[in-house]
Amino acid sequence: MTGILNGKVALVSGARRGIGLAIAKALQAQGAKLVALASSPGSLGELHQALGGGPDVLPLALDVRDEAACQAVVQQAIERMGRVDILVNNAGVYQAKPFLQYSSQDFRDLMEVNLFGVLHLMQAVLPHLVGNGWGGIINIASTAGKWGSRNQSAYNTSKHAAVGLTRCVALE
């Protein structure tokens, strides 16, 4: 496959289905090799097939809440694919209910994936992008990161935090 991303390696979290799978396929259509991350180890074979299989697709299981696992996955991606040029932070979780029904643990659970997952993968990948002299990070946050919504205070808070992190790191 040839395209504007020919020879580049893209790492996509939350690639098993939906938006993440569509993003992975779009990057692949432009020539990128893929490191496709999914939270469920049992879904890796299906993910590999969905992306056409072959040596240019590396499906890996990852819990983005685990900082050490994020570092290890990026290292494995570099060892197997030679480099990482693009990171798409797409993994996310959603929970909606009235504010008074949320527990502080609900807030922590959403922040662990929707903010700290983004943070962990950015910190793991960014040194390699700087070392390559080229690269990009795309953080998927949802419009919930731009304004308030009823019955989504924990979710929106996590997405606002991800947007703020993205803006700050972009300035750096």
Protein backbone atom coordinates (compact mmCIF):
# COMPACT_ATOMS: atom_id res chain seq x y z
CA MET A 1 0.00 0.00 0.00
CA THR A 2 1.33 3.44 -0.87
CA GLY A 3 0.19 6.77 0.44
CA ILE A 4 1.28 9.80 2.39
CA LEU A 5 2.12 7.61 5.40
CA ASN A 6 4.11 5.00 3.51
CA GLY A 7 6.92 3.72 5.74
CA LYS A 8 5.43 5.27 8.89
CA VAL A 9 4.25 3.30 11.92
CA ALA A 10 1.06 4.30 13.70
CA LEU A 11 0.11 3.13 17.17
CA VAL A 12 -3.66 3.26 17.79
CA SER A 13 -5.21 2.56 21.19
CA GLY A 14 -8.79 1.37 21.38
CA ALA A 15 -8.43 -0.09 17.88
CA ARG A 16 -10.67 -3.13 18.34
CA ARG A 17 -13.91 -1.58 17.09
CA GLY A 18 -15.80 1.59 16.22
CA ILE A 19 -13.86 4.81 15.83
CA GLY A 20 -10.53 3.20 16.70
CA LEU A 21 -10.87 0.50 14.06
CA ALA A 22 -11.96 3.08 11.48
CA ILE A 23 -8.94 5.26 12.33
CA ALA A 24 -6.60 2.28 12.05
CA LYS A 25 -8.05 1.38 8.64
CA ALA A 26 -7.75 4.98 7.43
CA LEU A 27 -4.09 5.16 8.48
CA GLN A 28 -3.47 1.81 6.84
CA ALA A 29 -5.11 3.04 3.62
CA GLN A 30 -2.51 5.83 3.55
CA GLY A 31 0.32 3.31 3.80
CA ALA A 32 1.01 3.23 7.55
CA LYS A 33 2.06 0.07 9.32
CA LEU A 34 -0.09 -0.46 12.40
CA VAL A 35 0.37 -1.28 16.03
CA ALA A 36 -3.26 -1.84 16.98
CA LEU A 37 -3.97 -1.87 20.70
CA ALA A 38 -6.96 -3.49 22.35
CA SER A 39 -7.79 -3.98 26.01
CA SER A 40 -8.89 -7.59 25.54
CA PRO A 41 -6.17 -10.16 24.71
CA GLY A 42 -8.89 -12.48 23.39
CA SER A 43 -9.78 -10.05 20.62
CA LEU A 44 -6.31 -9.75 19.04
CA GLY A 45 -6.83 -12.42 16.39
CA GLU A 46 -10.08 -10.84 15.30
CA LEU A 47 -8.43 -7.40 15.26
CA HIS A 48 -5.53 -8.70 13.16
CA GLN A 49 -8.03 -10.16 10.65
CA ALA A 50 -10.12 -6.97 10.58
CA LEU A 51 -6.97 -5.09 9.55
CA GLY A 52 -6.07 -7.56 6.81
CA GLY A 53 -3.47 -9.53 8.76
CA GLY A 54 0.10 -9.71 7.60
CA PRO A 55 3.39 -8.46 8.99
CA ASP A 56 2.46 -4.76 8.75
CA VAL A 57 -0.16 -5.19 11.49
CA LEU A 58 0.89 -5.84 15.07
CA PRO A 59 -2.07 -6.32 17.42
CA LEU A 60 -1.20 -6.02 21.11
CA ALA A 61 -3.20 -6.13 24.32
CA LEU A 62 -2.88 -3.12 26.61
CA ASP A 63 -4.57 -1.74 29.67
CA VAL A 64 -3.81 1.97 29.22
CA ARG A 65 -4.21 2.50 32.97
CA ASP A 66 -0.92 0.62 33.49
CA GLU A 67 1.98 3.02 32.98
CA ALA A 68 4.64 0.30 32.85
CA ALA A 69 2.58 -1.69 30.34
CA CYS A 70 2.33 1.40 28.12
CA GLN A 71 6.12 1.79 28.18
CA ALA A 72 6.54 -1.92 27.41
CA VAL A 73 4.07 -1.86 24.50
CA VAL A 74 5.83 1.09 22.90
CA GLN A 75 9.19 -0.65 23.31
CA GLN A 76 7.74 -3.84 21.78
CA ALA A 77 6.30 -1.82 18.88
CA ILE A 78 9.70 -0.27 18.18
CA GLU A 79 11.47 -3.63 18.40
CA ARG A 80 8.98 -5.30 16.03
CA MET A 81 8.18 -2.43 13.64
CA GLY A 82 11.42 -0.43 13.83
CA ARG A 83 9.86 2.84 14.97
CA VAL A 84 6.71 4.66 16.00
CA ASP A 85 5.76 7.83 14.13
CA ILE A 86 2.13 8.42 15.03
CA LEU A 87 0.16 7.90 18.22
CA VAL A 88 -3.63 7.95 18.21
CA ASN A 89 -5.00 7.89 21.75
CA ASN A 90 -8.50 6.59 21.15
CA ALA A 91 -9.08 4.23 24.10
CA GLY A 92 -11.80 5.52 26.36
CA VAL A 93 -14.60 4.58 28.72
CA TYR A 94 -18.00 6.15 29.27
CA GLN A 95 -20.37 6.25 32.18
CA ALA A 96 -23.42 8.47 32.56
CA LYS A 97 -25.58 9.14 35.59
CA PRO A 98 -26.68 12.10 37.69
CA PHE A 99 -23.88 13.80 39.59
CA LEU A 100 -25.16 12.76 43.03
CA GLN A 101 -25.11 9.12 41.96
CA TYR A 102 -21.42 9.18 40.97
CA SER A 103 -18.95 7.93 43.53
CA SER A 104 -15.46 9.30 43.77
CA GLN A 105 -14.35 5.87 42.50
CA ASP A 106 -16.43 6.42 39.34
CA PHE A 107 -14.51 9.64 38.75
CA ARG A 108 -11.19 7.86 39.37
CA ASP A 109 -12.09 5.01 37.01
CA LEU A 110 -12.92 7.40 34.17
CA MET A 111 -9.82 9.52 34.80
CA GLU A 112 -7.60 6.41 34.82
CA VAL A 113 -8.52 5.55 31.23
CA ASN A 114 -9.58 8.85 29.67
CA LEU A 115 -6.79 11.00 31.11
CA PHE A 116 -4.03 8.82 32.50
CA GLY A 117 -4.18 6.40 29.57
CA VAL A 118 -3.54 9.36 27.26
CA LEU A 119 -0.76 10.62 29.53
CA HIS A 120 0.96 7.23 29.78
CA LEU A 121 1.06 6.62 26.04
CA MET A 122 2.12 10.19 25.26
CA GLN A 123 5.01 9.93 27.71
CA ALA A 124 6.02 6.55 26.29
CA VAL A 125 5.89 7.62 22.63
CA LEU A 126 6.99 11.27 22.67
CA PRO A 127 10.73 10.66 23.24
CA HIS A 128 10.76 8.45 20.12
CA LEU A 129 8.93 11.04 18.03
CA VAL A 130 11.44 13.69 19.11
CA GLY A 131 14.29 11.27 18.36
CA ASN A 132 12.84 10.56 14.90
CA GLY A 133 12.61 14.28 14.19
CA TRP A 134 9.05 13.72 12.98
CA GLY A 135 5.77 12.49 14.35
CA GLY A 136 2.31 13.25 15.49
CA ILE A 137 -0.01 12.62 18.40
CA ILE A 138 -3.77 12.66 18.01
CA ASN A 139 -5.82 12.51 21.20
CA ILE A 140 -9.49 11.68 20.74
CA ALA A 141 -11.50 13.49 23.38
CA SER A 142 -15.13 14.00 22.26
CA THR A 143 -17.13 17.19 22.37
CA ALA A 144 -17.59 16.36 26.07
CA GLY A 145 -14.15 17.89 26.51
CA LYS A 146 -15.44 21.26 25.33
CA TRP A 147 -18.59 21.92 27.36
CA GLY A 148 -20.80 20.55 30.09
CA SER A 149 -23.52 17.95 29.71
CA ARG A 150 -26.22 16.64 32.00
CA ASN A 151 -25.54 13.30 33.67
CA GLN A 152 -21.95 13.16 32.42
CA SER A 153 -19.96 15.10 35.00
CA ALA A 154 -17.32 12.40 35.53
CA TYR A 155 -16.98 11.63 31.83
CA ASN A 156 -16.85 15.29 30.81
CA THR A 157 -14.32 16.06 33.53
CA SER A 158 -12.03 13.32 32.20
CA LYS A 159 -12.37 14.59 28.65
CA HIS A 160 -11.80 18.23 29.68
CA ALA A 161 -8.61 17.07 31.40
CA ALA A 162 -7.46 15.23 28.26
CA VAL A 163 -8.09 18.33 26.14
CA GLY A 164 -6.14 20.49 28.63
CA LEU A 165 -3.25 18.04 28.65
CA THR A 166 -3.20 17.98 24.85
CA ARG A 167 -3.13 21.78 24.62
CA CYS A 168 -0.31 22.10 27.15
CA VAL A 169 1.88 19.42 25.57
CA ALA A 170 1.29 20.93 22.11
CA LEU A 171 2.67 24.24 23.37
CA GLU A 172 5.75 22.49 24.73
